[in-house]
Amino acid sequence: MKEVVSNVATVVRESVHAEATPWIYNVVIDCLGFSREALMYAMNHMTEHKVTSLVFLDMTPDDRDLWLKTFLAKHYYIRSDLISVFYTV
């Protein structure tokens, strides 16, 4: 019985892996035009949602910018009177 428990513990230990994408911090923090606080908020979301961070890493810089603006506005991080500024060309 002790050997079975030991084997289960080994399998669990070997299957544990980091859910966060290791490069996401640098990619998010290097985005220009956002406060560090806003970027950390978005990064926290991405570390909790691996698929989102993987897609974010594959985006062009313009699409990353749009994603951040949309995400932060959707989550009420950015004042609503500033949202229209983001979508002007």
PDB file of N, CA and C in Angstrom:
ATOM      1  N   MET A   1       0.828  -1.195   0.000  1.00  0.00           N
ATOM      2  CA  MET A   1       0.000   0.000   0.000  1.00  0.00           C
ATOM      3  C   MET A   1       0.871   1.257   0.000  1.00  0.00           C
ATOM      4  N   LYS A   2       1.934   1.221   0.773  1.00  0.00           N
ATOM      5  CA  LYS A   2       2.830   2.377   0.848  1.00  0.00           C
ATOM      6  C   LYS A   2       3.440   2.671  -0.519  1.00  0.00           C
ATOM      7  N   GLU A   3       3.760   1.628  -1.253  1.00  0.00           N
ATOM      8  CA  GLU A   3       4.346   1.804  -2.585  1.00  0.00           C
ATOM      9  C   GLU A   3       3.338   2.434  -3.554  1.00  0.00           C
ATOM     10  N   VAL A   4       2.079   2.044  -3.455  1.00  0.00           N
ATOM     11  CA  VAL A   4       1.034   2.605  -4.315  1.00  0.00           C
ATOM     12  C   VAL A   4       0.873   4.097  -4.044  1.00  0.00           C
ATOM     13  N   VAL A   5       0.829   4.474  -2.772  1.00  0.00           N
ATOM     14  CA  VAL A   5       0.702   5.888  -2.401  1.00  0.00           C
ATOM     15  C   VAL A   5       1.915   6.665  -2.891  1.00  0.00           C
ATOM     16  N   SER A   6       3.077   6.082  -2.758  1.00  0.00           N
ATOM     17  CA  SER A   6       4.304   6.732  -3.226  1.00  0.00           C
ATOM     18  C   SER A   6       4.259   6.939  -4.739  1.00  0.00           C
ATOM     19  N   ASN A   7       3.772   5.939  -5.465  1.00  0.00           N
ATOM     20  CA  ASN A   7       3.668   6.063  -6.924  1.00  0.00           C
ATOM     21  C   ASN A   7       2.672   7.138  -7.325  1.00  0.00           C
ATOM     22  N   VAL A   8       1.557   7.224  -6.620  1.00  0.00           N
ATOM     23  CA  VAL A   8       0.568   8.261  -6.899  1.00  0.00           C
ATOM     24  C   VAL A   8       1.183   9.641  -6.656  1.00  0.00           C
ATOM     25  N   ALA A   9       1.899   9.786  -5.559  1.00  0.00           N
ATOM     26  CA  ALA A   9       2.551  11.063  -5.252  1.00  0.00           C
ATOM     27  C   ALA A   9       3.548  11.439  -6.340  1.00  0.00           C
ATOM     28  N   THR A  10       4.279  10.470  -6.843  1.00  0.00           N
ATOM     29  CA  THR A  10       5.252  10.726  -7.908  1.00  0.00           C
ATOM     30  C   THR A  10       4.552  11.186  -9.189  1.00  0.00           C
ATOM     31  N   VAL A  11       3.469  10.521  -9.549  1.00  0.00           N
ATOM     32  CA  VAL A  11       2.718  10.894 -10.751  1.00  0.00           C
ATOM     33  C   VAL A  11       2.161  12.307 -10.618  1.00  0.00           C
ATOM     34  N   VAL A  12       1.622  12.646  -9.460  1.00  0.00           N
ATOM     35  CA  VAL A  12       1.079  13.987  -9.237  1.00  0.00           C
ATOM     36  C   VAL A  12       2.186  15.021  -9.333  1.00  0.00           C
ATOM     37  N   ARG A  13       3.309  14.759  -8.701  1.00  0.00           N
ATOM     38  CA  ARG A  13       4.435  15.692  -8.735  1.00  0.00           C
ATOM     39  C   ARG A  13       4.925  15.915 -10.159  1.00  0.00           C
ATOM     40  N   GLU A  14       5.002  14.859 -10.947  1.00  0.00           N
ATOM     41  CA  GLU A  14       5.486  14.975 -12.320  1.00  0.00           C
ATOM     42  C   GLU A  14       4.491  15.672 -13.241  1.00  0.00           C
ATOM     43  N   SER A  15       3.217  15.636 -12.891  1.00  0.00           N
ATOM     44  CA  SER A  15       2.207  16.250 -13.748  1.00  0.00           C
ATOM     45  C   SER A  15       1.978  17.725 -13.444  1.00  0.00           C
ATOM     46  N   VAL A  16       2.500  18.202 -12.325  1.00  0.00           N
ATOM     47  CA  VAL A  16       2.325  19.605 -11.965  1.00  0.00           C
ATOM     48  C   VAL A  16       3.202  20.447 -12.888  1.00  0.00           C
ATOM     49  N   HIS A  17       2.613  21.471 -13.445  1.00  0.00           N
ATOM     50  CA  HIS A  17       3.350  22.371 -14.318  1.00  0.00           C
ATOM     51  C   HIS A  17       2.775  23.770 -14.179  1.00  0.00           C
ATOM     52  N   ALA A  18       3.565  24.724 -14.569  1.00  0.00           N
ATOM     53  CA  ALA A  18       3.123  26.118 -14.478  1.00  0.00           C
ATOM     54  C   ALA A  18       2.049  26.369 -15.529  1.00  0.00           C
ATOM     55  N   GLU A  19       0.946  26.948 -15.108  1.00  0.00           N
ATOM     56  CA  GLU A  19      -0.131  27.267 -16.031  1.00  0.00           C
ATOM     57  C   GLU A  19       0.129  28.562 -16.779  1.00  0.00           C
ATOM     58  N   ALA A  20       0.871  29.446 -16.171  1.00  0.00           N
ATOM     59  CA  ALA A  20       1.133  30.734 -16.805  1.00  0.00           C
ATOM     60  C   ALA A  20       2.178  30.575 -17.903  1.00  0.00           C
ATOM     61  N   THR A  21       2.031  31.340 -18.942  1.00  0.00           N
ATOM     62  CA  THR A  21       3.014  31.361 -20.010  1.00  0.00           C
ATOM     63  C   THR A  21       4.219  32.156 -19.524  1.00  0.00           C
ATOM     64  N   PRO A  22       5.404  31.589 -19.570  1.00  0.00           N
ATOM     65  CA  PRO A  22       6.572  32.254 -18.973  1.00  0.00           C
ATOM     66  C   PRO A  22       6.932  33.611 -19.578  1.00  0.00           C
ATOM     67  N   TRP A  23       6.601  33.845 -20.836  1.00  0.00           N
ATOM     68  CA  TRP A  23       6.991  35.102 -21.492  1.00  0.00           C
ATOM     69  C   TRP A  23       5.952  36.186 -21.355  1.00  0.00           C
ATOM     70  N   ILE A  24       4.824  35.885 -20.779  1.00  0.00           N
ATOM     71  CA  ILE A  24       3.722  36.853 -20.792  1.00  0.00           C
ATOM     72  C   ILE A  24       4.063  38.131 -20.027  1.00  0.00           C
ATOM     73  N   TYR A  25       4.821  38.028 -18.954  1.00  0.00           N
ATOM     74  CA  TYR A  25       5.153  39.223 -18.172  1.00  0.00           C
ATOM     75  C   TYR A  25       5.851  40.259 -19.048  1.00  0.00           C
ATOM     76  N   ASN A  26       6.941  39.871 -19.694  1.00  0.00           N
ATOM     77  CA  ASN A  26       7.709  40.835 -20.497  1.00  0.00           C
ATOM     78  C   ASN A  26       6.905  41.387 -21.657  1.00  0.00           C
ATOM     79  N   VAL A  27       6.102  40.544 -22.291  1.00  0.00           N
ATOM     80  CA  VAL A  27       5.309  41.005 -23.436  1.00  0.00           C
ATOM     81  C   VAL A  27       4.270  42.031 -22.985  1.00  0.00           C
ATOM     82  N   VAL A  28       3.604  41.769 -21.883  1.00  0.00           N
ATOM     83  CA  VAL A  28       2.572  42.698 -21.403  1.00  0.00           C
ATOM     84  C   VAL A  28       3.208  43.989 -20.885  1.00  0.00           C
ATOM     85  N   ILE A  29       4.215  43.877 -20.049  1.00  0.00           N
ATOM     86  CA  ILE A  29       4.833  45.058 -19.442  1.00  0.00           C
ATOM     87  C   ILE A  29       5.476  45.965 -20.495  1.00  0.00           C
ATOM     88  N   ASP A  30       5.882  45.414 -21.631  1.00  0.00           N
ATOM     89  CA  ASP A  30       6.498  46.220 -22.688  1.00  0.00           C
ATOM     90  C   ASP A  30       5.482  46.954 -23.566  1.00  0.00           C
ATOM     91  N   CYS A  31       4.187  46.757 -23.333  1.00  0.00           N
ATOM     92  CA  CYS A  31       3.163  47.467 -24.108  1.00  0.00           C
ATOM     93  C   CYS A  31       3.145  48.939 -23.691  1.00  0.00           C
ATOM     94  N   LEU A  32       3.188  49.806 -24.673  1.00  0.00           N
ATOM     95  CA  LEU A  32       3.252  51.245 -24.411  1.00  0.00           C
ATOM     96  C   LEU A  32       1.854  51.842 -24.317  1.00  0.00           C
ATOM     97  N   GLY A  33       1.752  52.951 -23.590  1.00  0.00           N
ATOM     98  CA  GLY A  33       0.507  53.702 -23.532  1.00  0.00           C
ATOM     99  C   GLY A  33      -0.431  53.299 -22.410  1.00  0.00           C
ATOM    100  N   PHE A  34       0.012  52.430 -21.526  1.00  0.00           N
ATOM    101  CA  PHE A  34      -0.811  51.988 -20.404  1.00  0.00           C
ATOM    102  C   PHE A  34      -0.027  52.159 -19.109  1.00  0.00           C
ATOM    103  N   SER A  35      -0.727  52.429 -18.034  1.00  0.00           N
ATOM    104  CA  SER A  35      -0.041  52.526 -16.741  1.00  0.00           C
ATOM    105  C   SER A  35       0.448  51.139 -16.335  1.00  0.00           C
ATOM    106  N   ARG A  36       1.460  51.115 -15.515  1.00  0.00           N
ATOM    107  CA  ARG A  36       1.974  49.839 -15.010  1.00  0.00           C
ATOM    108  C   ARG A  36       0.865  49.095 -14.250  1.00  0.00           C
ATOM    109  N   GLU A  37       0.068  49.832 -13.524  1.00  0.00           N
ATOM    110  CA  GLU A  37      -1.033  49.241 -12.766  1.00  0.00           C
ATOM    111  C   GLU A  37      -2.031  48.546 -13.700  1.00  0.00           C
ATOM    112  N   ALA A  38      -2.374  49.192 -14.809  1.00  0.00           N
ATOM    113  CA  ALA A  38      -3.309  48.601 -15.766  1.00  0.00           C
ATOM    114  C   ALA A  38      -2.708  47.350 -16.404  1.00  0.00           C
ATOM    115  N   LEU A  39      -1.428  47.419 -16.747  1.00  0.00           N
ATOM    116  CA  LEU A  39      -0.765  46.265 -17.355  1.00  0.00           C
ATOM    117  C   LEU A  39      -0.684  45.088 -16.381  1.00  0.00           C
ATOM    118  N   MET A  40      -0.443  45.377 -15.121  1.00  0.00           N
ATOM    119  CA  MET A  40      -0.386  44.309 -14.123  1.00  0.00           C
ATOM    120  C   MET A  40      -1.767  43.673 -13.954  1.00  0.00           C
ATOM    121  N   TYR A  41      -2.817  44.466 -14.034  1.00  0.00           N
ATOM    122  CA  TYR A  41      -4.179  43.949 -13.940  1.00  0.00           C
ATOM    123  C   TYR A  41      -4.449  42.984 -15.099  1.00  0.00           C
ATOM    124  N   ALA A  42      -4.087  43.399 -16.304  1.00  0.00           N
ATOM    125  CA  ALA A  42      -4.278  42.553 -17.484  1.00  0.00           C
ATOM    126  C   ALA A  42      -3.400  41.307 -17.407  1.00  0.00           C
ATOM    127  N   MET A  43      -2.171  41.475 -16.946  1.00  0.00           N
ATOM    128  CA  MET A  43      -1.270  40.333 -16.840  1.00  0.00           C
ATOM    129  C   MET A  43      -1.796  39.318 -15.833  1.00  0.00           C
ATOM    130  N   ASN A  44      -2.349  39.791 -14.732  1.00  0.00           N
ATOM    131  CA  ASN A  44      -2.920  38.895 -13.743  1.00  0.00           C
ATOM    132  C   ASN A  44      -4.039  38.048 -14.371  1.00  0.00           C
ATOM    133  N   HIS A  45      -4.864  38.689 -15.182  1.00  0.00           N
ATOM    134  CA  HIS A  45      -5.925  37.954 -15.875  1.00  0.00           C
ATOM    135  C   HIS A  45      -5.321  36.876 -16.775  1.00  0.00           C
ATOM    136  N   MET A  46      -4.274  37.231 -17.493  1.00  0.00           N
ATOM    137  CA  MET A  46      -3.666  36.281 -18.423  1.00  0.00           C
ATOM    138  C   MET A  46      -2.962  35.126 -17.714  1.00  0.00           C
ATOM    139  N   THR A  47      -2.421  35.381 -16.543  1.00  0.00           N
ATOM    140  CA  THR A  47      -1.786  34.277 -15.821  1.00  0.00           C
ATOM    141  C   THR A  47      -2.830  33.298 -15.292  1.00  0.00           C
ATOM    142  N   GLU A  48      -4.058  33.759 -15.132  1.00  0.00           N
ATOM    143  CA  GLU A  48      -5.142  32.881 -14.697  1.00  0.00           C
ATOM    144  C   GLU A  48      -5.853  32.216 -15.877  1.00  0.00           C
ATOM    145  N   HIS A  49      -5.611  32.704 -17.076  1.00  0.00           N
ATOM    146  CA  HIS A  49      -6.273  32.181 -18.281  1.00  0.00           C
ATOM    147  C   HIS A  49      -5.210  31.926 -19.345  1.00  0.00           C
ATOM    148  N   LYS A  50      -4.642  30.730 -19.320  1.00  0.00           N
ATOM    149  CA  LYS A  50      -3.506  30.404 -20.187  1.00  0.00           C
ATOM    150  C   LYS A  50      -3.822  30.580 -21.672  1.00  0.00           C
ATOM    151  N   VAL A  51      -4.999  30.170 -22.103  1.00  0.00           N
ATOM    152  CA  VAL A  51      -5.345  30.284 -23.522  1.00  0.00           C
ATOM    153  C   VAL A  51      -5.305  31.747 -23.956  1.00  0.00           C
ATOM    154  N   THR A  52      -5.824  32.627 -23.124  1.00  0.00           N
ATOM    155  CA  THR A  52      -5.803  34.055 -23.445  1.00  0.00           C
ATOM    156  C   THR A  52      -4.378  34.546 -23.610  1.00  0.00           C
ATOM    157  N   SER A  53      -3.488  34.126 -22.713  1.00  0.00           N
ATOM    158  CA  SER A  53      -2.104  34.580 -22.807  1.00  0.00           C
ATOM    159  C   SER A  53      -1.415  34.031 -24.049  1.00  0.00           C
ATOM    160  N   LEU A  54      -1.717  32.800 -24.434  1.00  0.00           N
ATOM    161  CA  LEU A  54      -1.117  32.233 -25.646  1.00  0.00           C
ATOM    162  C   LEU A  54      -1.580  32.984 -26.890  1.00  0.00           C
ATOM    163  N   VAL A  55      -2.855  33.310 -26.943  1.00  0.00           N
ATOM    164  CA  VAL A  55      -3.371  34.080 -28.078  1.00  0.00           C
ATOM    165  C   VAL A  55      -2.746  35.469 -28.084  1.00  0.00           C
ATOM    166  N   PHE A  56      -2.645  36.096 -26.918  1.00  0.00           N
ATOM    167  CA  PHE A  56      -2.045  37.432 -26.800  1.00  0.00           C
ATOM    168  C   PHE A  56      -0.616  37.428 -27.332  1.00  0.00           C
ATOM    169  N   LEU A  57       0.146  36.394 -27.020  1.00  0.00           N
ATOM    170  CA  LEU A  57       1.529  36.301 -27.489  1.00  0.00           C
ATOM    171  C   LEU A  57       1.613  36.227 -29.011  1.00  0.00           C
ATOM    172  N   ASP A  58       0.615  35.639 -29.656  1.00  0.00           N
ATOM    173  CA  ASP A  58       0.616  35.505 -31.115  1.00  0.00           C
ATOM    174  C   ASP A  58       0.087  36.734 -31.840  1.00  0.00           C
ATOM    175  N   MET A  59      -0.465  37.689 -31.104  1.00  0.00           N
ATOM    176  CA  MET A  59      -1.045  38.882 -31.727  1.00  0.00           C
ATOM    177  C   MET A  59       0.045  39.830 -32.225  1.00  0.00           C
ATOM    178  N   THR A  60      -0.341  40.637 -33.207  1.00  0.00           N
ATOM    179  CA  THR A  60       0.530  41.721 -33.642  1.00  0.00           C
ATOM    180  C   THR A  60       0.518  42.799 -32.552  1.00  0.00           C
ATOM    181  N   PRO A  61       1.500  43.676 -32.531  1.00  0.00           N
ATOM    182  CA  PRO A  61       1.482  44.758 -31.536  1.00  0.00           C
ATOM    183  C   PRO A  61       0.202  45.598 -31.578  1.00  0.00           C
ATOM    184  N   ASP A  62      -0.325  45.869 -32.766  1.00  0.00           N
ATOM    185  CA  ASP A  62      -1.570  46.639 -32.871  1.00  0.00           C
ATOM    186  C   ASP A  62      -2.748  45.881 -32.262  1.00  0.00           C
ATOM    187  N   ASP A  63      -2.802  44.577 -32.504  1.00  0.00           N
ATOM    188  CA  ASP A  63      -3.891  43.776 -31.933  1.00  0.00           C
ATOM    189  C   ASP A  63      -3.747  43.645 -30.415  1.00  0.00           C
ATOM    190  N   ARG A  64      -2.515  43.564 -29.926  1.00  0.00           N
ATOM    191  CA  ARG A  64      -2.311  43.544 -28.468  1.00  0.00           C
ATOM    192  C   ARG A  64      -2.831  44.831 -27.846  1.00  0.00           C
ATOM    193  N   ASP A  65      -2.519  45.928 -28.499  1.00  0.00           N
ATOM    194  CA  ASP A  65      -2.977  47.232 -28.017  1.00  0.00           C
ATOM    195  C   ASP A  65      -4.505  47.282 -27.974  1.00  0.00           C
ATOM    196  N   LEU A  66      -5.135  46.825 -29.040  1.00  0.00           N
ATOM    197  CA  LEU A  66      -6.595  46.803 -29.091  1.00  0.00           C
ATOM    198  C   LEU A  66      -7.164  45.870 -28.027  1.00  0.00           C
ATOM    199  N   TRP A  67      -6.556  44.695 -27.846  1.00  0.00           N
ATOM    200  CA  TRP A  67      -7.038  43.756 -26.836  1.00  0.00           C
ATOM    201  C   TRP A  67      -6.955  44.376 -25.444  1.00  0.00           C
ATOM    202  N   LEU A  68      -5.822  45.011 -25.134  1.00  0.00           N
ATOM    203  CA  LEU A  68      -5.667  45.639 -23.818  1.00  0.00           C
ATOM    204  C   LEU A  68      -6.699  46.737 -23.600  1.00  0.00           C
ATOM    205  N   LYS A  69      -6.880  47.589 -24.595  1.00  0.00           N
ATOM    206  CA  LYS A  69      -7.862  48.673 -24.468  1.00  0.00           C
ATOM    207  C   LYS A  69      -9.261  48.125 -24.249  1.00  0.00           C
ATOM    208  N   THR A  70      -9.623  47.110 -25.015  1.00  0.00           N
ATOM    209  CA  THR A  70     -10.951  46.511 -24.895  1.00  0.00           C
ATOM    210  C   THR A  70     -11.121  45.814 -23.557  1.00  0.00           C
ATOM    211  N   PHE A  71     -10.122  45.024 -23.159  1.00  0.00           N
ATOM    212  CA  PHE A  71     -10.188  44.294 -21.888  1.00  0.00           C
ATOM    213  C   PHE A  71     -10.308  45.260 -20.718  1.00  0.00           C
ATOM    214  N   LEU A  72      -9.470  46.272 -20.694  1.00  0.00           N
ATOM    215  CA  LEU A  72      -9.474  47.210 -19.571  1.00  0.00           C
ATOM    216  C   LEU A  72     -10.772  48.016 -19.527  1.00  0.00           C
ATOM    217  N   ALA A  73     -11.304  48.362 -20.690  1.00  0.00           N
ATOM    218  CA  ALA A  73     -12.583  49.087 -20.720  1.00  0.00           C
ATOM    219  C   ALA A  73     -13.726  48.173 -20.267  1.00  0.00           C
ATOM    220  N   LYS A  74     -13.711  46.951 -20.712  1.00  0.00           N
ATOM    221  CA  LYS A  74     -14.758  45.990 -20.356  1.00  0.00           C
ATOM    222  C   LYS A  74     -14.795  45.724 -18.858  1.00  0.00           C
ATOM    223  N   HIS A  75     -13.655  45.739 -18.248  1.00  0.00           N
ATOM    224  CA  HIS A  75     -13.567  45.463 -16.816  1.00  0.00           C
ATOM    225  C   HIS A  75     -13.532  46.746 -15.985  1.00  0.00           C
ATOM    226  N   TYR A  76     -14.004  47.824 -16.591  1.00  0.00           N
ATOM    227  CA  TYR A  76     -14.181  49.101 -15.893  1.00  0.00           C
ATOM    228  C   TYR A  76     -12.890  49.659 -15.321  1.00  0.00           C
ATOM    229  N   TYR A  77     -11.794  49.290 -15.920  1.00  0.00           N
ATOM    230  CA  TYR A  77     -10.526  49.820 -15.449  1.00  0.00           C
ATOM    231  C   TYR A  77     -10.285  51.204 -16.031  1.00  0.00           C
ATOM    232  N   ILE A  78     -10.781  51.423 -17.232  1.00  0.00           N
ATOM    233  CA  ILE A  78     -10.602  52.704 -17.914  1.00  0.00           C
ATOM    234  C   ILE A  78     -11.927  53.450 -17.862  1.00  0.00           C
ATOM    235  N   ARG A  79     -11.869  54.723 -17.563  1.00  0.00           N
ATOM    236  CA  ARG A  79     -13.096  55.526 -17.501  1.00  0.00           C
ATOM    237  C   ARG A  79     -13.817  55.495 -18.830  1.00  0.00           C
ATOM    238  N   SER A  80     -15.122  55.437 -18.771  1.00  0.00           N
ATOM    239  CA  SER A  80     -15.931  55.326 -19.988  1.00  0.00           C
ATOM    240  C   SER A  80     -15.769  56.539 -20.906  1.00  0.00           C
ATOM    241  N   ASP A  81     -15.463  57.717 -20.360  1.00  0.00           N
ATOM    242  CA  ASP A  81     -15.314  58.895 -21.212  1.00  0.00           C
ATOM    243  C   ASP A  81     -14.017  58.850 -22.014  1.00  0.00           C
ATOM    244  N   LEU A  82     -13.119  57.937 -21.667  1.00  0.00           N
ATOM    245  CA  LEU A  82     -11.872  57.803 -22.423  1.00  0.00           C
ATOM    246  C   LEU A  82     -11.945  56.702 -23.471  1.00  0.00           C
ATOM    247  N   ILE A  83     -12.960  55.878 -23.436  1.00  0.00           N
ATOM    248  CA  ILE A  83     -13.056  54.749 -24.354  1.00  0.00           C
ATOM    249  C   ILE A  83     -13.100  55.220 -25.796  1.00  0.00           C
ATOM    250  N   SER A  84     -13.839  56.273 -26.091  1.00  0.00           N
ATOM    251  CA  SER A  84     -13.955  56.750 -27.458  1.00  0.00           C
ATOM    252  C   SER A  84     -12.598  57.165 -28.024  1.00  0.00           C
ATOM    253  N   VAL A  85     -11.683  57.603 -27.171  1.00  0.00           N
ATOM    254  CA  VAL A  85     -10.342  57.983 -27.614  1.00  0.00           C
ATOM    255  C   VAL A  85      -9.623  56.788 -28.229  1.00  0.00           C
ATOM    256  N   PHE A  86      -9.870  55.608 -27.697  1.00  0.00           N
ATOM    257  CA  PHE A  86      -9.178  54.408 -28.151  1.00  0.00           C
ATOM    258  C   PHE A  86      -9.577  53.999 -29.559  1.00  0.00           C
ATOM    259  N   TYR A  87     -10.765  54.360 -29.973  1.00  0.00           N
ATOM    260  CA  TYR A  87     -11.267  53.870 -31.238  1.00  0.00           C
ATOM    261  C   TYR A  87     -11.246  54.922 -32.335  1.00  0.00           C
ATOM    262  N   THR A  88     -10.582  56.015 -32.100  1.00  0.00           N
ATOM    263  CA  THR A  88     -10.458  57.038 -33.137  1.00  0.00           C
ATOM    264  C   THR A  88      -9.187  56.770 -33.934  1.00  0.00           C
ATOM    265  N   VAL A  89      -9.217  57.116 -35.175  1.00  0.00           N
ATOM    266  CA  VAL A  89      -8.064  56.871 -36.055  1.00  0.00           C
ATOM    267  C   VAL A  89      -7.346  58.161 -36.311  1.00  0.00           C
TER     268      VAL A  89
END
